[in-house]
């Protein structure tokens, strides 16, 4: 079997499967946002190729991007220095802290009970 014939048969099989899938499936309702904007979307029509700008407004000034990079690096350093960026305690450390808290709370309750 030639490669062209094999590709043709494969394309025919895919097309047939897609057609059967589309014909046998229930038609899904469009989403609510589409129903609300359907008239507006129809008025917009298809985009026109003539509306694509011809020029590119990219900033190619290396000094500008060096300044942006230094600002981002400073912000990243400030983020890493923040106490909130520390890793959470391990499960063992959390268990030990919970046990210590519970023992202190029970001790405080017992001390309050003995005072009255």
N, C-alpha and C. Protein backbone atom coordinates (compact mmCIF):
# COMPACT_ATOMS: atom_id res chain seq x y z
N UNK A 1 0.86 -1.16 0.00
CA UNK A 1 0.00 0.00 0.00
C UNK A 1 0.90 1.23 0.00
N UNK A 2 0.59 2.16 -0.84
CA UNK A 2 1.44 3.35 -0.94
C UNK A 2 1.17 4.28 0.24
N UNK A 3 2.12 5.15 0.49
CA UNK A 3 2.00 6.09 1.61
C UNK A 3 0.83 7.04 1.40
N UNK A 4 0.62 7.48 0.15
CA UNK A 4 -0.49 8.41 -0.13
C UNK A 4 -1.84 7.75 0.12
N UNK A 5 -1.96 6.48 -0.28
CA UNK A 5 -3.20 5.77 -0.06
C UNK A 5 -3.45 5.57 1.43
N UNK A 6 -2.39 5.23 2.16
CA UNK A 6 -2.52 5.04 3.60
C UNK A 6 -2.94 6.34 4.28
N UNK A 7 -2.36 7.46 3.88
CA UNK A 7 -2.73 8.75 4.45
C UNK A 7 -4.17 9.11 4.11
N UNK A 8 -4.58 8.80 2.89
CA UNK A 8 -5.95 9.08 2.47
C UNK A 8 -6.94 8.27 3.29
N UNK A 9 -6.64 6.99 3.50
CA UNK A 9 -7.52 6.14 4.30
C UNK A 9 -7.57 6.61 5.75
N UNK A 10 -6.45 7.04 6.28
CA UNK A 10 -6.41 7.55 7.65
C UNK A 10 -7.24 8.82 7.77
N UNK A 11 -7.11 9.72 6.80
CA UNK A 11 -7.89 10.96 6.82
C UNK A 11 -9.37 10.65 6.70
N UNK A 12 -9.74 9.68 5.87
CA UNK A 12 -11.13 9.30 5.71
C UNK A 12 -11.67 8.71 7.01
N UNK A 13 -10.88 7.89 7.68
CA UNK A 13 -11.31 7.29 8.94
C UNK A 13 -11.51 8.35 10.02
N UNK A 14 -10.60 9.31 10.11
CA UNK A 14 -10.72 10.37 11.10
C UNK A 14 -11.94 11.23 10.81
N UNK A 15 -12.14 11.58 9.56
CA UNK A 15 -13.30 12.39 9.18
C UNK A 15 -14.59 11.66 9.50
N UNK A 16 -14.64 10.36 9.18
CA UNK A 16 -15.84 9.58 9.47
C UNK A 16 -16.11 9.49 10.96
N UNK A 17 -15.07 9.28 11.75
CA UNK A 17 -15.24 9.20 13.20
C UNK A 17 -15.71 10.53 13.77
N UNK A 18 -15.17 11.62 13.26
CA UNK A 18 -15.59 12.94 13.74
C UNK A 18 -17.03 13.22 13.36
N UNK A 19 -17.42 12.82 12.15
CA UNK A 19 -18.80 13.03 11.71
C UNK A 19 -19.77 12.22 12.55
N UNK A 20 -19.44 10.97 12.81
CA UNK A 20 -20.30 10.13 13.63
C UNK A 20 -20.38 10.68 15.04
N UNK A 21 -19.26 11.13 15.59
CA UNK A 21 -19.24 11.70 16.94
C UNK A 21 -20.09 12.94 17.03
N UNK A 22 -20.03 13.79 16.01
CA UNK A 22 -20.82 15.02 16.03
C UNK A 22 -22.30 14.72 15.84
N UNK A 23 -22.62 13.74 14.99
CA UNK A 23 -24.02 13.45 14.70
C UNK A 23 -24.68 12.72 15.86
N UNK A 24 -23.94 11.88 16.57
CA UNK A 24 -24.56 11.09 17.61
C UNK A 24 -24.63 11.82 18.94
N UNK A 25 -23.80 12.83 19.16
CA UNK A 25 -23.80 13.54 20.43
C UNK A 25 -24.95 14.51 20.53
N UNK A 26 -25.38 14.75 21.76
CA UNK A 26 -26.41 15.76 21.99
C UNK A 26 -25.82 17.13 21.79
N UNK A 27 -26.64 18.02 21.29
CA UNK A 27 -26.16 19.38 21.06
C UNK A 27 -26.08 20.09 22.41
N UNK A 28 -24.91 20.54 22.75
CA UNK A 28 -24.71 21.20 24.03
C UNK A 28 -25.22 22.63 23.96
N UNK A 29 -25.76 23.08 25.05
CA UNK A 29 -26.22 24.47 25.15
C UNK A 29 -25.00 25.38 25.22
N UNK A 30 -25.05 26.54 24.58
CA UNK A 30 -23.93 27.47 24.71
C UNK A 30 -23.88 28.02 26.13
N UNK A 31 -22.71 28.45 26.56
CA UNK A 31 -22.58 28.98 27.92
C UNK A 31 -23.41 30.26 28.09
N UNK A 32 -23.73 30.57 29.35
CA UNK A 32 -24.58 31.72 29.67
C UNK A 32 -23.96 33.03 29.18
N UNK A 33 -22.65 33.17 29.31
CA UNK A 33 -22.01 34.42 28.88
C UNK A 33 -22.19 34.63 27.38
N UNK A 34 -22.20 33.51 26.62
CA UNK A 34 -22.35 33.63 25.18
C UNK A 34 -23.78 34.05 24.84
N UNK A 35 -24.73 33.49 25.53
CA UNK A 35 -26.12 33.86 25.28
C UNK A 35 -26.34 35.35 25.55
N UNK A 36 -25.69 35.86 26.60
CA UNK A 36 -25.84 37.28 26.95
C UNK A 36 -25.20 38.18 25.90
N UNK A 37 -24.09 37.77 25.33
CA UNK A 37 -23.35 38.62 24.40
C UNK A 37 -23.52 38.23 22.94
N UNK A 38 -24.45 37.32 22.64
CA UNK A 38 -24.57 36.78 21.29
C UNK A 38 -24.80 37.87 20.25
N UNK A 39 -25.71 38.79 20.51
CA UNK A 39 -25.99 39.85 19.53
C UNK A 39 -24.77 40.74 19.33
N UNK A 40 -24.13 41.09 20.43
CA UNK A 40 -22.93 41.94 20.34
C UNK A 40 -21.82 41.24 19.56
N UNK A 41 -21.64 39.96 19.80
CA UNK A 41 -20.61 39.21 19.10
C UNK A 41 -20.92 39.11 17.60
N UNK A 42 -22.19 38.97 17.25
CA UNK A 42 -22.54 38.91 15.83
C UNK A 42 -22.27 40.23 15.13
N UNK A 43 -22.50 41.35 15.85
CA UNK A 43 -22.23 42.66 15.26
C UNK A 43 -20.74 42.88 15.02
N UNK A 44 -19.91 42.33 15.91
CA UNK A 44 -18.46 42.50 15.77
C UNK A 44 -17.95 41.82 14.51
N UNK A 45 -18.50 40.69 14.17
CA UNK A 45 -18.06 39.97 12.98
C UNK A 45 -16.67 39.39 13.16
N UNK A 46 -16.11 38.96 12.04
CA UNK A 46 -14.77 38.38 12.06
C UNK A 46 -13.73 39.50 12.04
N UNK A 47 -12.57 39.25 12.66
CA UNK A 47 -11.50 40.26 12.62
C UNK A 47 -11.04 40.48 11.18
N UNK A 48 -10.64 41.70 10.89
CA UNK A 48 -10.14 42.03 9.55
C UNK A 48 -8.63 42.07 9.57
N UNK A 49 -8.02 41.51 8.57
CA UNK A 49 -6.57 41.49 8.45
C UNK A 49 -6.02 42.91 8.35
N UNK A 50 -6.78 43.83 7.81
CA UNK A 50 -6.33 45.21 7.65
C UNK A 50 -6.17 45.91 9.01
N UNK A 51 -6.77 45.38 10.06
CA UNK A 51 -6.69 46.02 11.38
C UNK A 51 -5.43 45.63 12.15
N UNK A 52 -4.64 44.74 11.61
CA UNK A 52 -3.41 44.33 12.28
C UNK A 52 -2.36 45.39 12.02
N UNK A 53 -1.72 45.91 13.08
CA UNK A 53 -0.72 46.96 12.86
C UNK A 53 0.49 46.45 12.07
N UNK A 54 1.06 47.36 11.27
CA UNK A 54 2.21 47.01 10.44
C UNK A 54 3.52 47.04 11.23
N UNK A 55 3.59 47.90 12.19
CA UNK A 55 4.86 48.07 12.90
C UNK A 55 4.81 47.40 14.27
N UNK A 56 5.98 47.19 14.82
CA UNK A 56 6.10 46.60 16.15
C UNK A 56 6.60 47.68 17.09
N UNK A 57 5.91 47.84 18.20
CA UNK A 57 6.28 48.88 19.17
C UNK A 57 7.07 48.29 20.34
N UNK A 58 8.02 47.46 20.05
CA UNK A 58 8.83 46.83 21.10
C UNK A 58 9.91 47.79 21.57
N UNK A 59 10.14 47.79 22.86
CA UNK A 59 11.20 48.60 23.43
C UNK A 59 12.49 47.78 23.35
N UNK A 60 13.44 48.24 22.54
CA UNK A 60 14.69 47.50 22.35
C UNK A 60 15.87 48.20 23.02
N UNK A 61 15.58 49.16 23.90
CA UNK A 61 16.62 49.89 24.60
C UNK A 61 17.17 49.00 25.72
N UNK A 62 18.42 48.56 25.59
CA UNK A 62 19.01 47.63 26.56
C UNK A 62 19.11 48.26 27.95
N UNK A 63 19.38 49.56 28.03
CA UNK A 63 19.48 50.22 29.33
C UNK A 63 18.15 50.13 30.08
N UNK A 64 17.05 50.27 29.35
CA UNK A 64 15.73 50.15 29.98
C UNK A 64 15.53 48.77 30.59
N UNK A 65 15.88 47.72 29.82
CA UNK A 65 15.68 46.37 30.30
C UNK A 65 16.66 46.01 31.41
N UNK A 66 17.85 46.61 31.41
CA UNK A 66 18.78 46.41 32.52
C UNK A 66 18.20 47.00 33.80
N UNK A 67 17.56 48.17 33.68
CA UNK A 67 16.92 48.81 34.83
C UNK A 67 15.75 47.95 35.34
N UNK A 68 14.96 47.43 34.43
CA UNK A 68 13.84 46.57 34.81
C UNK A 68 14.36 45.32 35.53
N UNK A 69 15.43 44.74 34.99
CA UNK A 69 15.99 43.55 35.63
C UNK A 69 16.50 43.85 37.03
N UNK A 70 17.18 44.98 37.22
CA UNK A 70 17.70 45.32 38.55
C UNK A 70 16.55 45.55 39.53
N UNK A 71 15.45 46.16 39.05
CA UNK A 71 14.29 46.35 39.93
C UNK A 71 13.67 45.01 40.31
N UNK A 72 13.56 44.12 39.34
CA UNK A 72 13.00 42.80 39.63
C UNK A 72 13.91 42.00 40.58
N UNK A 73 15.21 42.11 40.39
CA UNK A 73 16.15 41.42 41.28
C UNK A 73 16.03 41.96 42.70
N UNK A 74 15.87 43.29 42.85
CA UNK A 74 15.72 43.88 44.18
C UNK A 74 14.41 43.41 44.83
N UNK A 75 13.34 43.35 44.04
CA UNK A 75 12.06 42.86 44.57
C UNK A 75 12.16 41.40 44.98
N UNK A 76 12.86 40.59 44.18
CA UNK A 76 13.03 39.18 44.50
C UNK A 76 13.84 39.01 45.78
N UNK A 77 14.87 39.83 45.96
CA UNK A 77 15.68 39.75 47.18
C UNK A 77 14.84 40.13 48.40
N UNK A 78 14.00 41.16 48.25
CA UNK A 78 13.14 41.56 49.36
C UNK A 78 12.14 40.45 49.70
N UNK A 79 11.64 39.78 48.69
CA UNK A 79 10.72 38.67 48.92
C UNK A 79 11.40 37.53 49.67
N UNK A 80 12.63 37.20 49.22
CA UNK A 80 13.34 36.10 49.88
C UNK A 80 13.72 36.47 51.31
N UNK A 81 13.93 37.75 51.60
CA UNK A 81 14.32 38.17 52.95
C UNK A 81 13.13 38.23 53.90
N UNK A 82 11.93 38.20 53.37
CA UNK A 82 10.73 38.28 54.20
C UNK A 82 10.59 37.03 55.07
N UNK A 83 10.20 37.20 56.33
CA UNK A 83 10.00 36.02 57.19
C UNK A 83 8.88 35.11 56.68
N UNK A 84 7.97 35.67 55.91
CA UNK A 84 6.87 34.87 55.39
C UNK A 84 7.32 33.91 54.29
N UNK A 85 8.53 34.08 53.77
CA UNK A 85 9.00 33.21 52.70
C UNK A 85 9.73 31.99 53.23
N UNK A 86 9.82 31.86 54.55
CA UNK A 86 10.49 30.68 55.12
C UNK A 86 9.64 29.44 54.88
N UNK A 87 10.32 28.32 54.79
CA UNK A 87 9.61 27.05 54.60
C UNK A 87 8.82 26.72 55.86
N UNK A 88 7.68 26.05 55.73
CA UNK A 88 6.91 25.68 56.91
C UNK A 88 7.65 24.65 57.74
N UNK A 89 7.33 24.56 59.01
CA UNK A 89 8.02 23.57 59.85
C UNK A 89 7.67 22.15 59.39
N UNK A 90 8.56 21.23 59.71
CA UNK A 90 8.33 19.83 59.34
C UNK A 90 7.19 19.27 60.18
N UNK A 91 6.70 18.11 59.79
CA UNK A 91 5.60 17.48 60.51
C UNK A 91 6.00 17.17 61.96
N UNK A 92 7.26 16.72 62.16
CA UNK A 92 7.72 16.43 63.53
C UNK A 92 7.76 17.69 64.37
N UNK A 93 8.25 18.80 63.79
CA UNK A 93 8.31 20.05 64.53
C UNK A 93 6.91 20.55 64.87
N UNK A 94 5.96 20.36 63.96
CA UNK A 94 4.57 20.76 64.24
C UNK A 94 3.98 19.91 65.35
N UNK A 95 4.26 18.60 65.34
CA UNK A 95 3.77 17.71 66.39
C UNK A 95 4.35 18.10 67.74
N UNK A 96 5.64 18.41 67.78
CA UNK A 96 6.28 18.80 69.03
C UNK A 96 5.69 20.11 69.54
N UNK A 97 5.45 21.08 68.65
CA UNK A 97 4.87 22.35 69.06
C UNK A 97 3.45 22.15 69.57
N UNK A 98 2.68 21.27 68.93
CA UNK A 98 1.31 21.01 69.38
C UNK A 98 1.31 20.34 70.74
N UNK A 99 2.22 19.39 70.93
CA UNK A 99 2.32 18.72 72.22
C UNK A 99 2.72 19.69 73.32
N UNK A 100 3.69 20.56 73.04
CA UNK A 100 4.12 21.56 74.02
C UNK A 100 2.98 22.52 74.34
N UNK A 101 2.23 22.94 73.35
CA UNK A 101 1.10 23.85 73.58
C UNK A 101 0.05 23.17 74.45
N UNK A 102 -0.25 21.91 74.13
CA UNK A 102 -1.28 21.19 74.90
C UNK A 102 -0.85 21.00 76.35
N UNK A 103 0.43 20.65 76.57
CA UNK A 103 0.93 20.47 77.94
C UNK A 103 0.87 21.77 78.72
N UNK A 104 1.23 22.90 78.08
CA UNK A 104 1.18 24.20 78.75
C UNK A 104 -0.26 24.58 79.05
N UNK A 105 -1.16 24.34 78.11
CA UNK A 105 -2.57 24.68 78.33
C UNK A 105 -3.15 23.85 79.46
N UNK A 106 -2.84 22.55 79.50
CA UNK A 106 -3.34 21.71 80.60
C UNK A 106 -2.75 22.16 81.94
N UNK A 107 -1.49 22.55 81.91
CA UNK A 107 -0.87 23.05 83.15
C UNK A 107 -1.52 24.35 83.62
N UNK A 108 -1.80 25.25 82.70
CA UNK A 108 -2.45 26.49 83.06
C UNK A 108 -3.85 26.23 83.60
N UNK A 109 -4.57 25.31 82.99
CA UNK A 109 -5.92 24.99 83.47
C UNK A 109 -5.86 24.39 84.88
N UNK A 110 -4.92 23.49 85.08
CA UNK A 110 -4.78 22.88 86.41
C UNK A 110 -4.37 23.90 87.45
N UNK A 111 -3.49 24.84 87.08
CA UNK A 111 -3.09 25.89 88.02
C UNK A 111 -4.27 26.78 88.35
N UNK A 112 -5.10 27.10 87.40
CA UNK A 112 -6.28 27.92 87.65
C UNK A 112 -7.28 27.17 88.51
N UNK A 113 -7.45 25.87 88.29
CA UNK A 113 -8.38 25.08 89.06
C UNK A 113 -7.95 24.99 90.53
N UNK A 114 -6.66 24.83 90.79
CA UNK A 114 -6.18 24.72 92.16
C UNK A 114 -6.25 26.06 92.90
N UNK A 115 -6.29 27.16 92.18
CA UNK A 115 -6.38 28.46 92.85
C UNK A 115 -7.79 28.72 93.38
N UNK A 116 -8.81 28.07 92.83
CA UNK A 116 -10.18 28.35 93.24
C UNK A 116 -10.71 27.30 94.11
